[in-house]
């Protein structure tokens, strides 16, 4: 992601990451939006990690219709676009 944004790694870590016991994680904004979201789009899209490439097909989001719809209130892409088959979603989730 740092390379996609043409940033040195130290600058990327300082501006966009939080360090935890398990490693580094992207910061969230106060409203839980990803720090990479800018005007509704990912500013580092080509360099996004697997976690981002598999969104919104995360287990906690797929566990129920209610959780899917709740996530749809935060993600403008949910409920739009083509319908993904179960086998396609399983393939995406298998990347994790």
N, C-alpha and C. Protein backbone atom coordinates (compact mmCIF):
# COMPACT_ATOMS: atom_id res chain seq x y z
N UNK A 1 0.82 -1.18 0.00
CA UNK A 1 0.00 0.00 0.00
C UNK A 1 0.87 1.26 0.00
N UNK A 2 1.97 1.19 0.73
CA UNK A 2 2.88 2.34 0.77
C UNK A 2 3.39 2.65 -0.64
N UNK A 3 3.76 1.62 -1.37
CA UNK A 3 4.26 1.83 -2.74
C UNK A 3 3.17 2.40 -3.63
N UNK A 4 1.95 1.91 -3.48
CA UNK A 4 0.82 2.41 -4.28
C UNK A 4 0.62 3.91 -4.04
N UNK A 5 0.83 4.33 -2.80
CA UNK A 5 0.66 5.75 -2.45
C UNK A 5 1.94 6.56 -2.63
N UNK A 6 3.00 5.90 -3.12
CA UNK A 6 4.31 6.53 -3.33
C UNK A 6 4.83 7.14 -2.04
N UNK A 7 4.71 6.37 -0.94
CA UNK A 7 5.19 6.82 0.36
C UNK A 7 6.30 5.90 0.85
N UNK A 8 7.24 6.47 1.58
CA UNK A 8 8.23 5.64 2.24
C UNK A 8 7.51 4.87 3.36
N UNK A 9 8.00 3.69 3.66
CA UNK A 9 7.34 2.83 4.62
C UNK A 9 7.17 3.50 5.99
N UNK A 10 8.19 4.21 6.45
CA UNK A 10 8.08 4.86 7.76
C UNK A 10 6.96 5.89 7.77
N UNK A 11 6.79 6.62 6.68
CA UNK A 11 5.73 7.62 6.60
C UNK A 11 4.35 6.95 6.56
N UNK A 12 4.24 5.86 5.79
CA UNK A 12 2.99 5.12 5.70
C UNK A 12 2.60 4.59 7.08
N UNK A 13 3.55 3.98 7.79
CA UNK A 13 3.27 3.47 9.13
C UNK A 13 2.81 4.57 10.06
N UNK A 14 3.49 5.68 10.04
CA UNK A 14 3.15 6.80 10.91
C UNK A 14 1.75 7.36 10.63
N UNK A 15 1.42 7.49 9.36
CA UNK A 15 0.16 8.13 8.97
C UNK A 15 -1.05 7.19 8.96
N UNK A 16 -0.84 5.91 8.67
CA UNK A 16 -1.99 5.04 8.39
C UNK A 16 -2.10 3.77 9.23
N UNK A 17 -1.07 3.43 9.99
CA UNK A 17 -1.10 2.16 10.71
C UNK A 17 -1.10 2.35 12.22
N UNK A 18 -1.61 1.35 12.88
CA UNK A 18 -1.53 1.27 14.33
C UNK A 18 -0.83 -0.06 14.64
N UNK A 19 0.08 -0.04 15.60
CA UNK A 19 0.81 -1.26 15.94
C UNK A 19 0.11 -1.98 17.08
N UNK A 20 0.00 -3.29 16.94
CA UNK A 20 -0.59 -4.14 17.97
C UNK A 20 0.33 -5.33 18.18
N UNK A 21 0.02 -6.16 19.15
CA UNK A 21 0.83 -7.34 19.44
C UNK A 21 0.98 -8.24 18.22
N UNK A 22 -0.08 -8.36 17.42
CA UNK A 22 -0.09 -9.25 16.26
C UNK A 22 0.56 -8.64 15.03
N UNK A 23 0.88 -7.36 15.05
CA UNK A 23 1.48 -6.70 13.90
C UNK A 23 0.87 -5.33 13.69
N UNK A 24 0.89 -4.86 12.45
CA UNK A 24 0.34 -3.55 12.11
C UNK A 24 -1.03 -3.71 11.48
N UNK A 25 -1.90 -2.75 11.76
CA UNK A 25 -3.25 -2.73 11.20
C UNK A 25 -3.57 -1.34 10.71
N UNK A 26 -4.40 -1.26 9.68
CA UNK A 26 -4.84 0.05 9.20
C UNK A 26 -5.68 0.72 10.27
N UNK A 27 -5.50 2.01 10.41
CA UNK A 27 -6.31 2.77 11.35
C UNK A 27 -7.75 2.84 10.86
N UNK A 28 -8.66 2.97 11.79
CA UNK A 28 -10.06 3.25 11.48
C UNK A 28 -10.32 4.70 11.83
N UNK A 29 -11.24 5.30 11.13
CA UNK A 29 -11.70 6.63 11.53
C UNK A 29 -12.70 6.48 12.67
N UNK A 30 -13.09 7.57 13.29
CA UNK A 30 -14.02 7.52 14.41
C UNK A 30 -15.34 6.84 14.04
N UNK A 31 -15.77 6.98 12.79
CA UNK A 31 -17.03 6.35 12.35
C UNK A 31 -16.82 4.91 11.87
N UNK A 32 -15.65 4.35 12.11
CA UNK A 32 -15.25 2.98 11.75
C UNK A 32 -14.91 2.82 10.27
N UNK A 33 -14.92 3.89 9.49
CA UNK A 33 -14.50 3.81 8.09
C UNK A 33 -12.99 3.58 8.04
N UNK A 34 -12.56 2.93 7.01
CA UNK A 34 -11.14 2.71 6.78
C UNK A 34 -10.46 4.04 6.48
N UNK A 35 -9.26 4.20 7.00
CA UNK A 35 -8.50 5.43 6.79
C UNK A 35 -8.14 5.62 5.31
N UNK A 36 -8.21 4.56 4.52
CA UNK A 36 -7.90 4.66 3.09
C UNK A 36 -9.08 5.17 2.26
N UNK A 37 -10.27 5.19 2.84
CA UNK A 37 -11.43 5.68 2.08
C UNK A 37 -11.36 7.20 1.92
N UNK A 38 -11.50 7.61 0.69
CA UNK A 38 -11.48 9.04 0.37
C UNK A 38 -12.55 9.30 -0.68
N UNK A 39 -13.55 10.06 -0.32
CA UNK A 39 -14.68 10.36 -1.20
C UNK A 39 -15.34 9.08 -1.72
N UNK A 40 -15.49 8.09 -0.83
CA UNK A 40 -16.18 6.86 -1.17
C UNK A 40 -15.37 5.84 -1.93
N UNK A 41 -14.10 6.08 -2.13
CA UNK A 41 -13.25 5.13 -2.87
C UNK A 41 -11.94 4.91 -2.11
N UNK A 42 -11.34 3.76 -2.34
CA UNK A 42 -10.07 3.42 -1.70
C UNK A 42 -8.93 4.11 -2.44
N UNK A 43 -8.16 4.90 -1.71
CA UNK A 43 -7.06 5.61 -2.36
C UNK A 43 -5.85 4.73 -2.64
N UNK A 44 -5.83 3.50 -2.11
CA UNK A 44 -4.73 2.57 -2.35
C UNK A 44 -5.24 1.27 -2.98
N UNK A 45 -6.32 1.36 -3.73
CA UNK A 45 -7.02 0.18 -4.26
C UNK A 45 -6.10 -0.86 -4.91
N UNK A 46 -5.22 -0.49 -5.82
CA UNK A 46 -4.38 -1.51 -6.47
C UNK A 46 -3.47 -2.26 -5.49
N UNK A 47 -3.12 -1.64 -4.37
CA UNK A 47 -2.20 -2.26 -3.42
C UNK A 47 -2.86 -2.77 -2.16
N UNK A 48 -4.17 -2.95 -2.20
CA UNK A 48 -4.87 -3.34 -0.97
C UNK A 48 -4.53 -4.77 -0.56
N UNK A 49 -4.52 -5.03 0.76
CA UNK A 49 -4.20 -6.37 1.25
C UNK A 49 -5.39 -7.33 1.10
N UNK A 50 -5.17 -8.60 1.40
CA UNK A 50 -6.20 -9.62 1.27
C UNK A 50 -7.45 -9.26 2.06
N UNK A 51 -7.27 -8.73 3.26
CA UNK A 51 -8.43 -8.37 4.08
C UNK A 51 -9.36 -7.44 3.30
N UNK A 52 -8.78 -6.50 2.60
CA UNK A 52 -9.59 -5.55 1.83
C UNK A 52 -10.15 -6.19 0.55
N UNK A 53 -9.37 -7.05 -0.08
CA UNK A 53 -9.83 -7.69 -1.32
C UNK A 53 -11.01 -8.63 -1.07
N UNK A 54 -11.12 -9.16 0.14
CA UNK A 54 -12.21 -10.09 0.43
C UNK A 54 -13.44 -9.40 1.01
N UNK A 55 -13.34 -8.12 1.34
CA UNK A 55 -14.50 -7.38 1.87
C UNK A 55 -15.55 -7.21 0.77
N UNK A 56 -16.82 -7.37 1.04
CA UNK A 56 -17.50 -7.54 2.33
C UNK A 56 -17.79 -9.00 2.67
N UNK A 57 -17.08 -9.92 2.06
CA UNK A 57 -17.38 -11.33 2.28
C UNK A 57 -16.63 -11.88 3.50
N UNK A 58 -16.77 -11.20 4.61
CA UNK A 58 -16.18 -11.63 5.87
C UNK A 58 -17.24 -12.40 6.65
N UNK A 59 -16.80 -13.39 7.42
CA UNK A 59 -17.74 -14.24 8.15
C UNK A 59 -18.68 -13.45 9.03
N UNK A 60 -18.17 -12.44 9.74
CA UNK A 60 -19.04 -11.67 10.63
C UNK A 60 -20.10 -10.88 9.88
N UNK A 61 -19.85 -10.58 8.63
CA UNK A 61 -20.83 -9.86 7.81
C UNK A 61 -21.81 -10.84 7.15
N UNK A 62 -21.32 -12.02 6.79
CA UNK A 62 -22.15 -13.02 6.10
C UNK A 62 -22.98 -13.87 7.06
N UNK A 63 -22.78 -13.72 8.36
CA UNK A 63 -23.43 -14.63 9.31
C UNK A 63 -24.95 -14.54 9.31
N UNK A 64 -25.49 -13.40 8.91
CA UNK A 64 -26.95 -13.28 8.87
C UNK A 64 -27.37 -12.19 7.90
N UNK A 65 -28.61 -12.23 7.51
CA UNK A 65 -29.16 -11.20 6.65
C UNK A 65 -29.10 -9.84 7.33
N UNK A 66 -29.33 -9.84 8.65
CA UNK A 66 -29.31 -8.59 9.41
C UNK A 66 -27.91 -7.96 9.42
N UNK A 67 -26.87 -8.79 9.63
CA UNK A 67 -25.51 -8.23 9.64
C UNK A 67 -25.11 -7.73 8.25
N UNK A 68 -25.56 -8.43 7.21
CA UNK A 68 -25.30 -7.98 5.84
C UNK A 68 -25.96 -6.63 5.58
N UNK A 69 -27.21 -6.50 5.98
CA UNK A 69 -27.92 -5.24 5.77
C UNK A 69 -27.34 -4.11 6.62
N UNK A 70 -26.92 -4.43 7.84
CA UNK A 70 -26.29 -3.40 8.69
C UNK A 70 -25.00 -2.90 8.05
N UNK A 71 -24.20 -3.82 7.51
CA UNK A 71 -22.97 -3.41 6.84
C UNK A 71 -23.29 -2.57 5.61
N UNK A 72 -24.41 -2.86 4.97
CA UNK A 72 -24.84 -2.09 3.81
C UNK A 72 -25.13 -0.63 4.13
N UNK A 73 -25.40 -0.33 5.40
CA UNK A 73 -25.60 1.08 5.78
C UNK A 73 -24.27 1.83 5.81
N UNK A 74 -23.15 1.11 5.91
CA UNK A 74 -21.82 1.72 5.93
C UNK A 74 -21.12 1.63 4.58
N UNK A 75 -21.50 0.63 3.78
CA UNK A 75 -20.82 0.41 2.50
C UNK A 75 -21.80 0.66 1.36
N UNK A 76 -21.56 1.70 0.57
CA UNK A 76 -22.49 2.02 -0.51
C UNK A 76 -22.52 0.99 -1.63
N UNK A 77 -21.55 0.07 -1.68
CA UNK A 77 -21.53 -0.94 -2.74
C UNK A 77 -22.38 -2.16 -2.45
N UNK A 78 -22.72 -2.38 -1.17
CA UNK A 78 -23.52 -3.55 -0.82
C UNK A 78 -24.94 -3.35 -1.33
N UNK A 79 -25.44 -4.37 -2.04
CA UNK A 79 -26.79 -4.28 -2.61
C UNK A 79 -26.80 -3.68 -4.00
N UNK A 80 -25.62 -3.38 -4.53
CA UNK A 80 -25.51 -2.83 -5.88
C UNK A 80 -24.57 -3.73 -6.68
N UNK A 81 -24.62 -3.64 -7.96
CA UNK A 81 -23.73 -4.45 -8.79
C UNK A 81 -24.28 -5.85 -8.99
N UNK A 82 -23.43 -6.71 -9.46
CA UNK A 82 -23.88 -8.06 -9.80
C UNK A 82 -24.02 -8.93 -8.55
N UNK A 83 -24.78 -9.97 -8.67
CA UNK A 83 -24.97 -10.93 -7.59
C UNK A 83 -23.85 -11.97 -7.67
N UNK A 84 -23.17 -12.19 -6.55
CA UNK A 84 -22.08 -13.15 -6.50
C UNK A 84 -22.62 -14.51 -6.09
N UNK A 85 -22.17 -15.56 -6.73
CA UNK A 85 -22.61 -16.91 -6.39
C UNK A 85 -21.91 -17.38 -5.12
N UNK A 86 -22.51 -18.39 -4.48
CA UNK A 86 -21.91 -18.95 -3.28
C UNK A 86 -20.50 -19.47 -3.55
N UNK A 87 -20.30 -20.13 -4.68
CA UNK A 87 -18.97 -20.68 -4.99
C UNK A 87 -17.96 -19.55 -5.22
N UNK A 88 -18.38 -18.44 -5.81
CA UNK A 88 -17.47 -17.30 -5.98
C UNK A 88 -17.07 -16.72 -4.62
N UNK A 89 -18.03 -16.58 -3.72
CA UNK A 89 -17.75 -16.04 -2.39
C UNK A 89 -16.81 -16.99 -1.64
N UNK A 90 -17.06 -18.28 -1.72
CA UNK A 90 -16.17 -19.25 -1.07
C UNK A 90 -14.76 -19.15 -1.63
N UNK A 91 -14.64 -18.94 -2.93
CA UNK A 91 -13.32 -18.78 -3.54
C UNK A 91 -12.61 -17.54 -3.03
N UNK A 92 -13.33 -16.45 -2.89
CA UNK A 92 -12.76 -15.21 -2.37
C UNK A 92 -12.33 -15.41 -0.92
N UNK A 93 -13.20 -16.02 -0.12
CA UNK A 93 -12.90 -16.26 1.29
C UNK A 93 -11.72 -17.22 1.45
N UNK A 94 -11.52 -18.10 0.49
CA UNK A 94 -10.40 -19.04 0.55
C UNK A 94 -9.05 -18.38 0.40
N UNK A 95 -9.03 -17.12 -0.01
CA UNK A 95 -7.77 -16.39 -0.16
C UNK A 95 -7.19 -15.97 1.18
N UNK A 96 -8.01 -15.98 2.21
CA UNK A 96 -7.59 -15.47 3.52
C UNK A 96 -6.69 -16.46 4.22
